[in-house]
Amino acid sequence: MNASEIRKRLNLKYSPSIFYNREYAFNSLKHCVKSCYTVILGDCNQFWVVCYADAQRLQKMGYEIAI
């Protein structure tokens, strides 16, 4: 499933950035212009980088923030 499909299926504000490696997901946060993004444990061993508003929506749906 690609980012636009995830956005539509889960009714997110923005499309997530998808990573299959935890380290790459957290390194991508260093390149964000604003520090208002976080990493969520997505489906099928994926890590999603999303804005805080989408992270809150995903948490209510049962997804977890990656540490």
N, C-alpha and C. Protein backbone atom coordinates (compact mmCIF):
# COMPACT_ATOMS: atom_id res chain seq x y z
N MET A 1 0.84 -1.17 0.00
CA MET A 1 0.00 0.00 0.00
C MET A 1 0.90 1.24 0.00
N ASN A 2 0.58 2.19 -0.86
CA ASN A 2 1.41 3.39 -0.92
C ASN A 2 0.85 4.49 0.00
N ALA A 3 1.57 5.60 0.06
CA ALA A 3 1.24 6.66 1.02
C ALA A 3 -0.13 7.29 0.76
N SER A 4 -0.49 7.49 -0.50
CA SER A 4 -1.80 8.12 -0.77
C SER A 4 -2.95 7.18 -0.40
N GLU A 5 -2.76 5.89 -0.58
CA GLU A 5 -3.79 4.93 -0.18
C GLU A 5 -3.94 4.89 1.33
N ILE A 6 -2.83 4.97 2.06
CA ILE A 6 -2.88 5.00 3.52
C ILE A 6 -3.61 6.26 3.98
N ARG A 7 -3.29 7.38 3.36
CA ARG A 7 -3.92 8.66 3.71
C ARG A 7 -5.43 8.58 3.52
N LYS A 8 -5.87 8.05 2.40
CA LYS A 8 -7.31 7.97 2.13
C LYS A 8 -7.99 6.96 3.05
N ARG A 9 -7.38 5.79 3.24
CA ARG A 9 -8.00 4.73 4.04
C ARG A 9 -8.15 5.13 5.50
N LEU A 10 -7.16 5.85 6.04
CA LEU A 10 -7.17 6.22 7.45
C LEU A 10 -7.63 7.66 7.69
N ASN A 11 -8.01 8.36 6.62
CA ASN A 11 -8.52 9.73 6.71
C ASN A 11 -7.51 10.67 7.38
N LEU A 12 -6.27 10.64 6.89
CA LEU A 12 -5.22 11.50 7.42
C LEU A 12 -5.20 12.84 6.69
N LYS A 13 -4.62 13.84 7.33
CA LYS A 13 -4.53 15.17 6.73
C LYS A 13 -3.47 15.19 5.62
N TYR A 14 -2.35 14.51 5.84
CA TYR A 14 -1.26 14.46 4.88
C TYR A 14 -0.84 13.02 4.63
N SER A 15 -0.19 12.78 3.50
CA SER A 15 0.33 11.44 3.21
C SER A 15 1.57 11.18 4.05
N PRO A 16 1.67 10.02 4.64
CA PRO A 16 2.85 9.71 5.47
C PRO A 16 4.06 9.37 4.60
N SER A 17 5.23 9.56 5.15
CA SER A 17 6.45 9.04 4.53
C SER A 17 6.63 7.64 5.08
N ILE A 18 6.87 6.68 4.19
CA ILE A 18 6.93 5.27 4.59
C ILE A 18 8.37 4.78 4.55
N PHE A 19 8.78 4.11 5.64
CA PHE A 19 10.11 3.53 5.73
C PHE A 19 9.99 2.09 6.23
N TYR A 20 10.91 1.25 5.81
CA TYR A 20 10.94 -0.14 6.27
C TYR A 20 12.06 -0.38 7.26
N ASN A 21 12.78 0.69 7.62
CA ASN A 21 13.89 0.61 8.55
C ASN A 21 13.70 1.70 9.60
N ARG A 22 13.73 1.33 10.87
CA ARG A 22 13.52 2.29 11.95
C ARG A 22 14.54 3.42 11.92
N GLU A 23 15.80 3.07 11.70
CA GLU A 23 16.86 4.06 11.68
C GLU A 23 16.65 5.10 10.59
N TYR A 24 16.23 4.66 9.41
CA TYR A 24 15.98 5.60 8.31
C TYR A 24 14.81 6.53 8.64
N ALA A 25 13.80 5.98 9.29
CA ALA A 25 12.64 6.81 9.65
C ALA A 25 13.04 7.92 10.61
N PHE A 26 13.82 7.57 11.65
CA PHE A 26 14.23 8.60 12.61
C PHE A 26 15.25 9.57 12.01
N ASN A 27 16.10 9.10 11.12
CA ASN A 27 17.03 10.01 10.45
C ASN A 27 16.29 11.00 9.55
N SER A 28 15.18 10.60 8.99
CA SER A 28 14.42 11.51 8.13
C SER A 28 13.86 12.69 8.91
N LEU A 29 13.62 12.51 10.22
CA LEU A 29 13.13 13.61 11.04
C LEU A 29 14.13 14.75 11.11
N LYS A 30 15.41 14.43 10.99
CA LYS A 30 16.44 15.47 11.04
C LYS A 30 16.37 16.40 9.84
N HIS A 31 15.76 15.94 8.75
CA HIS A 31 15.70 16.70 7.52
C HIS A 31 14.37 17.43 7.33
N CYS A 32 13.47 17.30 8.31
CA CYS A 32 12.19 18.01 8.24
C CYS A 32 12.42 19.47 8.59
N VAL A 33 11.71 20.35 7.88
CA VAL A 33 11.86 21.78 8.11
C VAL A 33 11.35 22.15 9.50
N LYS A 34 10.22 21.59 9.87
CA LYS A 34 9.66 21.84 11.19
C LYS A 34 9.82 20.59 12.04
N SER A 35 9.86 20.76 13.32
CA SER A 35 10.03 19.61 14.21
C SER A 35 8.69 19.08 14.70
N CYS A 36 7.67 19.22 13.89
CA CYS A 36 6.33 18.77 14.31
C CYS A 36 5.94 17.45 13.64
N TYR A 37 6.91 16.56 13.48
CA TYR A 37 6.66 15.24 12.91
C TYR A 37 7.11 14.16 13.88
N THR A 38 6.50 13.00 13.77
CA THR A 38 6.86 11.88 14.63
C THR A 38 6.77 10.58 13.83
N VAL A 39 7.32 9.52 14.41
CA VAL A 39 7.32 8.21 13.76
C VAL A 39 6.28 7.32 14.42
N ILE A 40 5.45 6.70 13.59
CA ILE A 40 4.40 5.79 14.04
C ILE A 40 4.73 4.38 13.55
N LEU A 41 4.44 3.38 14.36
CA LEU A 41 4.57 1.99 13.91
C LEU A 41 3.37 1.68 13.02
N GLY A 42 3.63 1.55 11.72
CA GLY A 42 2.55 1.32 10.77
C GLY A 42 2.27 -0.14 10.54
N ASP A 43 1.55 -0.42 9.48
CA ASP A 43 1.20 -1.79 9.12
C ASP A 43 2.36 -2.49 8.42
N CYS A 44 2.38 -3.81 8.50
CA CYS A 44 3.33 -4.66 7.75
C CYS A 44 4.80 -4.26 7.97
N ASN A 45 5.19 -4.07 9.23
CA ASN A 45 6.58 -3.72 9.56
C ASN A 45 7.04 -2.42 8.91
N GLN A 46 6.15 -1.46 8.82
CA GLN A 46 6.49 -0.16 8.26
C GLN A 46 6.58 0.88 9.38
N PHE A 47 7.35 1.92 9.11
CA PHE A 47 7.43 3.08 9.99
C PHE A 47 6.92 4.27 9.20
N TRP A 48 5.94 4.97 9.74
CA TRP A 48 5.35 6.11 9.05
C TRP A 48 5.78 7.39 9.74
N VAL A 49 6.27 8.35 8.98
CA VAL A 49 6.58 9.68 9.50
C VAL A 49 5.38 10.56 9.18
N VAL A 50 4.74 11.06 10.24
CA VAL A 50 3.51 11.84 10.08
C VAL A 50 3.57 13.08 10.96
N CYS A 51 2.70 14.05 10.64
CA CYS A 51 2.60 15.26 11.47
C CYS A 51 1.90 14.88 12.78
N TYR A 52 2.00 15.76 13.79
CA TYR A 52 1.43 15.46 15.09
C TYR A 52 -0.09 15.28 15.04
N ALA A 53 -0.78 16.05 14.20
CA ALA A 53 -2.23 15.91 14.09
C ALA A 53 -2.60 14.52 13.61
N ASP A 54 -1.89 14.03 12.59
CA ASP A 54 -2.15 12.69 12.09
C ASP A 54 -1.72 11.63 13.10
N ALA A 55 -0.66 11.90 13.85
CA ALA A 55 -0.22 10.96 14.88
C ALA A 55 -1.30 10.79 15.95
N GLN A 56 -1.94 11.87 16.32
CA GLN A 56 -3.01 11.78 17.31
C GLN A 56 -4.19 10.97 16.77
N ARG A 57 -4.53 11.18 15.50
CA ARG A 57 -5.61 10.40 14.88
C ARG A 57 -5.25 8.92 14.88
N LEU A 58 -4.02 8.62 14.51
CA LEU A 58 -3.59 7.23 14.44
C LEU A 58 -3.56 6.57 15.81
N GLN A 59 -3.16 7.32 16.83
CA GLN A 59 -3.16 6.77 18.20
C GLN A 59 -4.56 6.40 18.64
N LYS A 60 -5.55 7.22 18.29
CA LYS A 60 -6.94 6.92 18.63
C LYS A 60 -7.41 5.67 17.93
N MET A 61 -6.81 5.34 16.77
CA MET A 61 -7.17 4.13 16.02
C MET A 61 -6.40 2.91 16.51
N GLY A 62 -5.46 3.11 17.45
CA GLY A 62 -4.74 1.99 18.02
C GLY A 62 -3.30 1.84 17.56
N TYR A 63 -2.80 2.74 16.73
CA TYR A 63 -1.39 2.69 16.31
C TYR A 63 -0.53 3.25 17.43
N GLU A 64 0.75 2.87 17.44
CA GLU A 64 1.65 3.29 18.51
C GLU A 64 2.76 4.19 17.97
N ILE A 65 3.20 5.13 18.80
CA ILE A 65 4.34 5.98 18.45
C ILE A 65 5.61 5.16 18.64
N ALA A 66 6.51 5.23 17.67
CA ALA A 66 7.77 4.49 17.76
C ALA A 66 8.72 5.22 18.70
N ILE A 67 9.49 4.45 19.43
CA ILE A 67 10.45 5.04 20.37
C ILE A 67 11.84 4.68 19.91
